[in-house]
Amino acid sequence: MYNLIGFFIVCLLSFLAWREKALRLSGAVCAVCIGTMILFGTGIKGFLLLSVFFVTSSFFSKWKREQKQSIDQIVAKGDARDWVQVLANGGVPALCSFIYILEEDPIWIFAFAVSLACSTADTWASEIGVLSQKDPYLLFPFKRVRKGTSGAISLRGTFASLMGAIVIGLTAKLLWFHMFSIHLMIWVIVFGFFGMVLDSIIGRSIQAKFLCTTCQLITEKNYHCDQPTVFFKGVRYVNNDVVNILSILISTALSFLLYSSL
C-alpha cells in the first residue's frame, strides 16, 4: 500500500517537474522509472534523499537563469533535463537501490548516498559556479577560461560543491541515524566532493569539444551559428552526460571498495 502511494507521488512530482520545464517529457518518464526503483529499493528514506538532490538541483538550475545565458553558447543542453541527463545522474543511485533489494547489505545504502552526493556536488558546482564574477580556471594548465568550459573550476563553484555534498551527507545521517555513523557521513561528503573533482578532470581531458567554423568558438554543441561544428579534441562520443556517469560511477565504486577493505 505504501509503495503504491509512493509510486503515485513519484509520478506526480515528475509531472510537476515536466510542467515547470525542469524536465523534458523523456526526462519525466525516466525520472518515474528511477524514482520507483529507488522507492522500492531503499524505501521512503531513499526517495527523500533523491528528492533533496532533485529539488535543490532544479532550483539552482532556474536560479538567476538570466545571468547564465552566456554559457548557452558553450554547453550542449539547457536546464530542462532529458532522459539521458536524468539517467546520468540517477542511474548509479538506482543501481545501488536495486542491488540493495537483492542483498539487503547496508553498504549499498552507503554507496547510494555517495552516488547522490556526487550528483549534487557536481550540479551545485556547475549551476552556482557559473555565477562567479570572474572566469574559472582549468586544472591543467592552470589558466582562466570562459565560463561553461568543461573541466573548469571556480572558488564559488568549489565551495558550492562541498556544500552540496555536505547537505546529502547530513540528510543521509538524519534519515539513517542508527546506520550512519559520523565517520560514514564524512566519507559520503568526501567522496561526493571527490566525484565533482573527478568530473572536472575527466571533462578537461577526454570530453569531446567542437569548433564553430563561423565564429571560432569552442563548444560542446554539434551545431552553432546554424552550421555543423567541427570535432576539435577529446573523445568524440564522450559528452557531458558520459562524463557525469563516469565520475559518479568511479567515485562510488572507489568508496565502496575502500569501505569494504576496512
C-alpha atoms as a PDB file:
ATOM      1  CA  MET A   1       0.000   0.000   0.000  1.00  0.00           C
ATOM      2  CA  TYR A   2       2.760   2.444   0.973  1.00  0.00           C
ATOM      3  CA  ASN A   3       4.723   1.574  -2.167  1.00  0.00           C
ATOM      4  CA  LEU A   4       1.649   2.240  -4.307  1.00  0.00           C
ATOM      5  CA  ILE A   5       1.150   5.638  -2.674  1.00  0.00           C
ATOM      6  CA  GLY A   6       4.856   6.333  -3.159  1.00  0.00           C
ATOM      7  CA  PHE A   7       4.590   5.452  -6.847  1.00  0.00           C
ATOM      8  CA  PHE A   8       1.795   7.966  -7.338  1.00  0.00           C
ATOM      9  CA  ILE A   9       3.896  10.599  -5.541  1.00  0.00           C
ATOM     10  CA  VAL A  10       6.814   9.860  -7.896  1.00  0.00           C
ATOM     11  CA  CYS A  11       4.512  10.252 -10.893  1.00  0.00           C
ATOM     12  CA  LEU A  12       3.051  13.481  -9.526  1.00  0.00           C
ATOM     13  CA  LEU A  13       6.445  15.050  -8.824  1.00  0.00           C
ATOM     14  CA  SER A  14       7.724  14.058 -12.269  1.00  0.00           C
ATOM     15  CA  PHE A  15       4.635  15.562 -13.872  1.00  0.00           C
ATOM     16  CA  LEU A  16       5.077  18.805 -11.941  1.00  0.00           C
ATOM     17  CA  ALA A  17       8.757  18.930 -12.918  1.00  0.00           C
ATOM     18  CA  TRP A  18       7.767  18.473 -16.573  1.00  0.00           C
ATOM     19  CA  ARG A  19       5.096  21.176 -16.323  1.00  0.00           C
ATOM     20  CA  GLU A  20       7.592  23.580 -14.745  1.00  0.00           C
ATOM     21  CA  LYS A  21      10.065  22.717 -17.539  1.00  0.00           C
ATOM     22  CA  ALA A  22      12.643  21.312 -15.137  1.00  0.00           C
ATOM     23  CA  LEU A  23      12.343  18.052 -17.099  1.00  0.00           C
ATOM     24  CA  ARG A  24      11.543  17.254 -20.695  1.00  0.00           C
ATOM     25  CA  LEU A  25       8.922  14.594 -21.317  1.00  0.00           C
ATOM     26  CA  SER A  26      11.552  11.888 -21.788  1.00  0.00           C
ATOM     27  CA  GLY A  27      13.262  13.066 -18.597  1.00  0.00           C
ATOM     28  CA  ALA A  28       9.996  12.882 -16.668  1.00  0.00           C
ATOM     29  CA  VAL A  29       9.380   9.289 -17.827  1.00  0.00           C
ATOM     30  CA  CYS A  30      12.930   8.314 -16.889  1.00  0.00           C
ATOM     31  CA  ALA A  31      12.533  10.061 -13.515  1.00  0.00           C
ATOM     32  CA  VAL A  32       9.446   7.936 -12.803  1.00  0.00           C
ATOM     33  CA  CYS A  33      11.423   4.760 -13.535  1.00  0.00           C
ATOM     34  CA  ILE A  34      14.421   5.777 -11.422  1.00  0.00           C
ATOM     35  CA  GLY A  35      12.295   7.175  -8.601  1.00  0.00           C
ATOM     36  CA  THR A  36      10.221   4.000  -8.469  1.00  0.00           C
ATOM     37  CA  MET A  37      13.289   1.760  -8.371  1.00  0.00           C
ATOM     38  CA  ILE A  38      14.792   3.822  -5.554  1.00  0.00           C
ATOM     39  CA  LEU A  39      11.484   3.850  -3.679  1.00  0.00           C
ATOM     40  CA  PHE A  40      11.149   0.070  -3.840  1.00  0.00           C
ATOM     41  CA  GLY A  41      14.841  -0.461  -3.052  1.00  0.00           C
ATOM     42  CA  THR A  42      15.752   1.978  -0.306  1.00  0.00           C
ATOM     43  CA  GLY A  43      12.214   2.919   0.701  1.00  0.00           C
ATOM     44  CA  ILE A  44      10.843   6.317   1.572  1.00  0.00           C
ATOM     45  CA  LYS A  45      14.192   7.347   3.090  1.00  0.00           C
ATOM     46  CA  GLY A  46      15.992   6.753  -0.196  1.00  0.00           C
ATOM     47  CA  PHE A  47      13.263   8.596  -2.071  1.00  0.00           C
ATOM     48  CA  LEU A  48      13.563  11.569   0.300  1.00  0.00           C
ATOM     49  CA  LEU A  49      17.334  11.703  -0.237  1.00  0.00           C
ATOM     50  CA  LEU A  50      16.764  11.587  -4.003  1.00  0.00           C
ATOM     51  CA  SER A  51      14.218  14.396  -3.620  1.00  0.00           C
ATOM     52  CA  VAL A  52      16.792  16.579  -1.837  1.00  0.00           C
ATOM     53  CA  PHE A  53      19.093  16.221  -4.849  1.00  0.00           C
ATOM     54  CA  PHE A  54      16.359  16.799  -7.416  1.00  0.00           C
ATOM     55  CA  VAL A  55      14.606  19.725  -5.743  1.00  0.00           C
ATOM     56  CA  THR A  56      17.786  21.643  -4.902  1.00  0.00           C
ATOM     57  CA  SER A  57      19.367  20.963  -8.299  1.00  0.00           C
ATOM     58  CA  SER A  58      16.213  22.077 -10.132  1.00  0.00           C
ATOM     59  CA  PHE A  59      16.078  25.225  -8.013  1.00  0.00           C
ATOM     60  CA  PHE A  60      19.686  26.175  -8.720  1.00  0.00           C
ATOM     61  CA  SER A  61      19.236  25.392 -12.433  1.00  0.00           C
ATOM     62  CA  LYS A  62      16.471  28.014 -12.587  1.00  0.00           C
ATOM     63  CA  TRP A  63      18.085  30.412 -10.108  1.00  0.00           C
ATOM     64  CA  LYS A  64      19.342  33.621 -11.779  1.00  0.00           C
ATOM     65  CA  ARG A  65      18.804  31.982 -15.149  1.00  0.00           C
ATOM     66  CA  GLU A  66      19.194  35.286 -16.998  1.00  0.00           C
ATOM     67  CA  GLN A  67      22.784  35.556 -15.745  1.00  0.00           C
ATOM     68  CA  LYS A  68      23.626  32.128 -17.136  1.00  0.00           C
ATOM     69  CA  GLN A  69      22.665  32.826 -20.736  1.00  0.00           C
ATOM     70  CA  SER A  70      26.283  33.435 -21.708  1.00  0.00           C
ATOM     71  CA  ILE A  71      27.111  29.734 -21.269  1.00  0.00           C
ATOM     72  CA  ASP A  72      24.251  28.595 -23.513  1.00  0.00           C
ATOM     73  CA  GLN A  73      26.585  29.084 -26.462  1.00  0.00           C
ATOM     74  CA  ILE A  74      29.019  26.541 -24.998  1.00  0.00           C
ATOM     75  CA  VAL A  75      27.065  23.831 -23.186  1.00  0.00           C
ATOM     76  CA  ALA A  76      25.137  21.335 -25.287  1.00  0.00           C
ATOM     77  CA  LYS A  77      21.917  21.172 -23.247  1.00  0.00           C
ATOM     78  CA  GLY A  78      19.665  23.569 -21.380  1.00  0.00           C
ATOM     79  CA  ASP A  79      18.261  23.448 -17.871  1.00  0.00           C
ATOM     80  CA  ALA A  80      15.312  21.189 -18.818  1.00  0.00           C
ATOM     81  CA  ARG A  81      16.788  17.713 -18.370  1.00  0.00           C
ATOM     82  CA  ASP A  82      16.109  14.916 -20.871  1.00  0.00           C
ATOM     83  CA  TRP A  83      16.182  11.172 -20.133  1.00  0.00           C
ATOM     84  CA  VAL A  84      19.925  10.903 -20.758  1.00  0.00           C
ATOM     85  CA  GLN A  85      20.715  13.603 -18.194  1.00  0.00           C
ATOM     86  CA  VAL A  86      18.319  12.043 -15.675  1.00  0.00           C
ATOM     87  CA  LEU A  87      19.904   8.629 -16.204  1.00  0.00           C
ATOM     88  CA  ALA A  88      23.420  10.063 -15.984  1.00  0.00           C
ATOM     89  CA  ASN A  89      22.688  11.486 -12.530  1.00  0.00           C
ATOM     90  CA  GLY A  90      20.224   8.907 -11.235  1.00  0.00           C
ATOM     91  CA  GLY A  91      21.393   5.696 -12.874  1.00  0.00           C
ATOM     92  CA  VAL A  92      24.039   4.783 -10.297  1.00  0.00           C
ATOM     93  CA  PRO A  93      21.787   5.559  -7.289  1.00  0.00           C
ATOM     94  CA  ALA A  94      19.046   3.445  -8.887  1.00  0.00           C
ATOM     95  CA  LEU A  95      21.514   0.594  -9.443  1.00  0.00           C
ATOM     96  CA  CYS A  96      22.639   0.724  -5.798  1.00  0.00           C
ATOM     97  CA  SER A  97      18.990   0.617  -4.713  1.00  0.00           C
ATOM     98  CA  PHE A  98      18.297  -2.385  -6.941  1.00  0.00           C
ATOM     99  CA  ILE A  99      21.279  -4.304  -5.553  1.00  0.00           C
ATOM    100  CA  TYR A 100      20.108  -3.445  -2.031  1.00  0.00           C
ATOM    101  CA  ILE A 101      16.812  -5.217  -2.848  1.00  0.00           C
ATOM    102  CA  LEU A 102      18.777  -8.369  -3.657  1.00  0.00           C
ATOM    103  CA  GLU A 103      21.395  -8.302  -0.901  1.00  0.00           C
ATOM    104  CA  GLU A 104      19.968  -6.077   1.862  1.00  0.00           C
ATOM    105  CA  ASP A 105      23.521  -5.160   2.846  1.00  0.00           C
ATOM    106  CA  PRO A 106      23.743  -1.671   4.443  1.00  0.00           C
ATOM    107  CA  ILE A 107      26.875  -0.963   2.421  1.00  0.00           C
ATOM    108  CA  TRP A 108      24.611  -0.353  -0.573  1.00  0.00           C
ATOM    109  CA  ILE A 109      22.824   2.394   1.340  1.00  0.00           C
ATOM    110  CA  PHE A 110      26.244   3.979   1.828  1.00  0.00           C
ATOM    111  CA  ALA A 111      27.023   3.619  -1.904  1.00  0.00           C
ATOM    112  CA  PHE A 112      23.600   5.059  -2.735  1.00  0.00           C
ATOM    113  CA  ALA A 113      24.291   8.121  -0.577  1.00  0.00           C
ATOM    114  CA  VAL A 114      27.755   8.608  -2.097  1.00  0.00           C
ATOM    115  CA  SER A 115      26.373   8.496  -5.644  1.00  0.00           C
ATOM    116  CA  LEU A 116      23.753  11.144  -4.827  1.00  0.00           C
ATOM    117  CA  ALA A 117      26.389  13.256  -3.082  1.00  0.00           C
ATOM    118  CA  CYS A 118      28.451  13.157  -6.304  1.00  0.00           C
ATOM    119  CA  SER A 119      25.460  14.206  -8.412  1.00  0.00           C
ATOM    120  CA  THR A 120      24.544  17.011  -6.034  1.00  0.00           C
ATOM    121  CA  ALA A 121      28.100  18.296  -5.655  1.00  0.00           C
ATOM    122  CA  ASP A 122      28.645  18.428  -9.406  1.00  0.00           C
ATOM    123  CA  THR A 123      25.283  20.056 -10.163  1.00  0.00           C
ATOM    124  CA  TRP A 124      25.660  22.708  -7.465  1.00  0.00           C
ATOM    125  CA  ALA A 125      29.196  23.434  -8.661  1.00  0.00           C
ATOM    126  CA  SER A 126      28.015  23.938 -12.247  1.00  0.00           C
ATOM    127  CA  GLU A 127      24.883  25.948 -11.512  1.00  0.00           C
ATOM    128  CA  ILE A 128      26.338  28.206  -8.803  1.00  0.00           C
ATOM    129  CA  GLY A 129      29.931  28.427 -10.007  1.00  0.00           C
ATOM    130  CA  VAL A 130      28.889  29.956 -13.318  1.00  0.00           C
ATOM    131  CA  LEU A 131      27.556  32.962 -11.376  1.00  0.00           C
ATOM    132  CA  SER A 132      31.091  33.910 -10.309  1.00  0.00           C
ATOM    133  CA  GLN A 133      32.126  37.395 -11.373  1.00  0.00           C
ATOM    134  CA  LYS A 134      35.485  36.156 -12.653  1.00  0.00           C
ATOM    135  CA  ASP A 135      36.136  33.454 -15.231  1.00  0.00           C
ATOM    136  CA  PRO A 136      37.046  29.998 -13.873  1.00  0.00           C
ATOM    137  CA  TYR A 137      40.363  28.165 -14.100  1.00  0.00           C
ATOM    138  CA  LEU A 138      41.347  24.969 -15.837  1.00  0.00           C
ATOM    139  CA  LEU A 139      43.044  22.453 -13.553  1.00  0.00           C
ATOM    140  CA  PHE A 140      45.817  21.844 -16.078  1.00  0.00           C
ATOM    141  CA  PRO A 141      47.275  24.032 -17.383  1.00  0.00           C
ATOM    142  CA  PHE A 142      46.250  26.465 -14.652  1.00  0.00           C
ATOM    143  CA  LYS A 143      44.735  29.318 -16.661  1.00  0.00           C
ATOM    144  CA  ARG A 144      41.495  31.261 -16.894  1.00  0.00           C
ATOM    145  CA  VAL A 145      38.930  30.152 -19.452  1.00  0.00           C
ATOM    146  CA  ARG A 146      35.441  31.170 -20.469  1.00  0.00           C
ATOM    147  CA  LYS A 147      32.539  30.283 -18.152  1.00  0.00           C
ATOM    148  CA  GLY A 148      30.915  26.978 -19.086  1.00  0.00           C
ATOM    149  CA  THR A 149      34.162  25.396 -20.290  1.00  0.00           C
ATOM    150  CA  SER A 150      34.304  21.682 -19.440  1.00  0.00           C
ATOM    151  CA  GLY A 151      36.705  20.903 -16.613  1.00  0.00           C
ATOM    152  CA  ALA A 152      36.944  24.494 -15.379  1.00  0.00           C
ATOM    153  CA  ILE A 153      36.614  25.280 -11.672  1.00  0.00           C
ATOM    154  CA  SER A 154      35.992  28.412  -9.600  1.00  0.00           C
ATOM    155  CA  LEU A 155      36.200  29.212  -5.907  1.00  0.00           C
ATOM    156  CA  ARG A 156      32.438  29.754  -5.702  1.00  0.00           C
ATOM    157  CA  GLY A 157      31.697  26.539  -7.593  1.00  0.00           C
ATOM    158  CA  THR A 158      34.108  24.532  -5.447  1.00  0.00           C
ATOM    159  CA  PHE A 159      32.536  25.852  -2.250  1.00  0.00           C
ATOM    160  CA  ALA A 160      29.047  25.147  -3.616  1.00  0.00           C
ATOM    161  CA  SER A 161      30.126  21.614  -4.485  1.00  0.00           C
ATOM    162  CA  LEU A 162      31.336  20.999  -0.946  1.00  0.00           C
ATOM    163  CA  MET A 163      28.066  22.383   0.446  1.00  0.00           C
ATOM    164  CA  GLY A 164      26.075  20.078  -1.833  1.00  0.00           C
ATOM    165  CA  ALA A 165      27.992  17.037  -0.617  1.00  0.00           C
ATOM    166  CA  ILE A 166      27.532  18.161   2.994  1.00  0.00           C
ATOM    167  CA  VAL A 167      23.762  18.542   2.535  1.00  0.00           C
ATOM    168  CA  ILE A 168      23.473  14.977   1.208  1.00  0.00           C
ATOM    169  CA  GLY A 169      25.788  13.616   3.907  1.00  0.00           C
ATOM    170  CA  LEU A 170      23.857  15.324   6.711  1.00  0.00           C
ATOM    171  CA  THR A 171      20.495  14.278   5.269  1.00  0.00           C
ATOM    172  CA  ALA A 172      21.641  10.663   4.973  1.00  0.00           C
ATOM    173  CA  LYS A 173      22.795  10.794   8.589  1.00  0.00           C
ATOM    174  CA  LEU A 174      19.385  12.095   9.703  1.00  0.00           C
ATOM    175  CA  LEU A 175      17.440   9.555   7.650  1.00  0.00           C
ATOM    176  CA  TRP A 176      19.519   6.519   8.641  1.00  0.00           C
ATOM    177  CA  PHE A 177      20.519   7.846  12.069  1.00  0.00           C
ATOM    178  CA  HIS A 178      21.435   4.488  13.648  1.00  0.00           C
ATOM    179  CA  MET A 179      23.063   3.093  10.495  1.00  0.00           C
ATOM    180  CA  PHE A 180      25.190   6.131   9.584  1.00  0.00           C
ATOM    181  CA  SER A 181      27.993   6.964  11.980  1.00  0.00           C
ATOM    182  CA  ILE A 182      29.724  10.345  11.844  1.00  0.00           C
ATOM    183  CA  HIS A 183      32.600   8.527  10.160  1.00  0.00           C
ATOM    184  CA  LEU A 184      30.326   7.270   7.369  1.00  0.00           C
ATOM    185  CA  MET A 185      28.753  10.688   6.944  1.00  0.00           C
ATOM    186  CA  ILE A 186      32.201  12.220   6.437  1.00  0.00           C
ATOM    187  CA  TRP A 187      33.008   9.535   3.866  1.00  0.00           C
ATOM    188  CA  VAL A 188      29.863  10.414   1.930  1.00  0.00           C
ATOM    189  CA  ILE A 189      30.871  14.081   1.931  1.00  0.00           C
ATOM    190  CA  VAL A 190      34.482  13.388   0.932  1.00  0.00           C
ATOM    191  CA  PHE A 191      33.655  11.038  -1.934  1.00  0.00           C
ATOM    192  CA  GLY A 192      30.779  13.235  -3.068  1.00  0.00           C
ATOM    193  CA  PHE A 193      33.191  16.155  -3.358  1.00  0.00           C
ATOM    194  CA  PHE A 194      35.779  13.891  -4.975  1.00  0.00           C
ATOM    195  CA  GLY A 195      33.199  12.990  -7.620  1.00  0.00           C
ATOM    196  CA  MET A 196      32.995  16.657  -8.612  1.00  0.00           C
ATOM    197  CA  VAL A 197      36.787  16.919  -8.830  1.00  0.00           C
ATOM    198  CA  LEU A 198      36.881  13.757 -10.926  1.00  0.00           C
ATOM    199  CA  ASP A 199      34.161  15.178 -13.177  1.00  0.00           C
ATOM    200  CA  SER A 200      36.333  18.240 -13.800  1.00  0.00           C
ATOM    201  CA  ILE A 201      39.387  16.109 -14.590  1.00  0.00           C
ATOM    202  CA  ILE A 202      37.513  13.837 -17.000  1.00  0.00           C
ATOM    203  CA  GLY A 203      35.732  16.782 -18.590  1.00  0.00           C
ATOM    204  CA  ARG A 204      39.033  18.583 -19.114  1.00  0.00           C
ATOM    205  CA  SER A 205      40.899  15.579 -20.505  1.00  0.00           C
ATOM    206  CA  ILE A 206      38.563  13.497 -22.689  1.00  0.00           C
ATOM    207  CA  GLN A 207      35.197  15.236 -23.141  1.00  0.00           C
ATOM    208  CA  ALA A 208      34.522  15.989 -26.800  1.00  0.00           C
ATOM    209  CA  LYS A 209      34.809  19.624 -27.849  1.00  0.00           C
ATOM    210  CA  PHE A 210      33.815  21.129 -31.160  1.00  0.00           C
ATOM    211  CA  LEU A 211      34.840  24.226 -33.119  1.00  0.00           C
ATOM    212  CA  CYS A 212      32.392  26.592 -34.761  1.00  0.00           C
ATOM    213  CA  THR A 213      33.958  27.458 -38.115  1.00  0.00           C
ATOM    214  CA  THR A 214      31.864  30.647 -38.311  1.00  0.00           C
ATOM    215  CA  CYS A 215      32.702  32.374 -35.005  1.00  0.00           C
ATOM    216  CA  GLN A 216      35.656  30.161 -33.918  1.00  0.00           C
ATOM    217  CA  LEU A 217      34.006  29.350 -30.570  1.00  0.00           C
ATOM    218  CA  ILE A 218      34.932  26.056 -28.882  1.00  0.00           C
ATOM    219  CA  THR A 219      31.689  24.469 -27.758  1.00  0.00           C
ATOM    220  CA  GLU A 220      30.001  21.202 -26.763  1.00  0.00           C
ATOM    221  CA  LYS A 221      27.346  21.712 -29.428  1.00  0.00           C
ATOM    222  CA  ASN A 222      27.174  19.812 -32.716  1.00  0.00           C
ATOM    223  CA  TYR A 223      25.590  22.879 -34.312  1.00  0.00           C
ATOM    224  CA  HIS A 224      26.447  26.547 -33.798  1.00  0.00           C
ATOM    225  CA  CYS A 225      25.685  29.667 -35.817  1.00  0.00           C
ATOM    226  CA  ASP A 226      23.223  27.479 -37.755  1.00  0.00           C
ATOM    227  CA  GLN A 227      26.137  25.393 -39.058  1.00  0.00           C
ATOM    228  CA  PRO A 228      27.570  21.966 -38.109  1.00  0.00           C
ATOM    229  CA  THR A 229      30.594  22.292 -35.848  1.00  0.00           C
ATOM    230  CA  VAL A 230      33.895  20.500 -36.428  1.00  0.00           C
ATOM    231  CA  PHE A 231      35.341  17.985 -33.965  1.00  0.00           C
ATOM    232  CA  PHE A 232      38.211  19.726 -32.183  1.00  0.00           C
ATOM    233  CA  LYS A 233      39.606  17.497 -29.423  1.00  0.00           C
ATOM    234  CA  GLY A 234      38.784  14.907 -26.779  1.00  0.00           C
ATOM    235  CA  VAL A 235      36.994  11.603 -27.405  1.00  0.00           C
ATOM    236  CA  ARG A 236      34.258  12.197 -29.963  1.00  0.00           C
ATOM    237  CA  TYR A 237      31.361  10.445 -28.227  1.00  0.00           C
ATOM    238  CA  VAL A 238      32.247  11.400 -24.662  1.00  0.00           C
ATOM    239  CA  ASN A 239      29.780  14.199 -23.920  1.00  0.00           C
ATOM    240  CA  ASN A 240      28.853  15.791 -20.589  1.00  0.00           C
ATOM    241  CA  ASP A 241      26.388  13.000 -19.770  1.00  0.00           C
ATOM    242  CA  VAL A 242      29.095  10.359 -20.205  1.00  0.00           C
ATOM    243  CA  VAL A 243      31.461  12.419 -18.038  1.00  0.00           C
ATOM    244  CA  ASN A 244      28.803  12.677 -15.324  1.00  0.00           C
ATOM    245  CA  ILE A 245      28.043   8.982 -15.143  1.00  0.00           C
ATOM    246  CA  LEU A 246      31.747   8.051 -15.269  1.00  0.00           C
ATOM    247  CA  SER A 247      32.658  10.371 -12.393  1.00  0.00           C
ATOM    248  CA  ILE A 248      29.719   9.188 -10.268  1.00  0.00           C
ATOM    249  CA  LEU A 249      30.392   5.523 -11.019  1.00  0.00           C
ATOM    250  CA  ILE A 250      34.151   5.727 -10.343  1.00  0.00           C
ATOM    251  CA  SER A 251      33.792   7.729  -7.123  1.00  0.00           C
ATOM    252  CA  THR A 252      31.025   5.447  -5.826  1.00  0.00           C
ATOM    253  CA  ALA A 253      32.934   2.274  -6.734  1.00  0.00           C
ATOM    254  CA  LEU A 254      36.116   3.599  -5.125  1.00  0.00           C
ATOM    255  CA  SER A 255      34.284   4.499  -1.907  1.00  0.00           C
ATOM    256  CA  PHE A 256      32.665   1.056  -1.896  1.00  0.00           C
ATOM    257  CA  LEU A 257      35.978  -0.755  -2.355  1.00  0.00           C
ATOM    258  CA  LEU A 258      37.804   1.286   0.274  1.00  0.00           C
ATOM    259  CA  TYR A 259      34.971   0.888   2.781  1.00  0.00           C
ATOM    260  CA  SER A 260      34.806  -2.879   2.135  1.00  0.00           C
ATOM    261  CA  SER A 261      38.524  -3.237   2.731  1.00  0.00           C
ATOM    262  CA  LEU A 262      38.355  -1.661   6.197  1.00  0.00           C
END
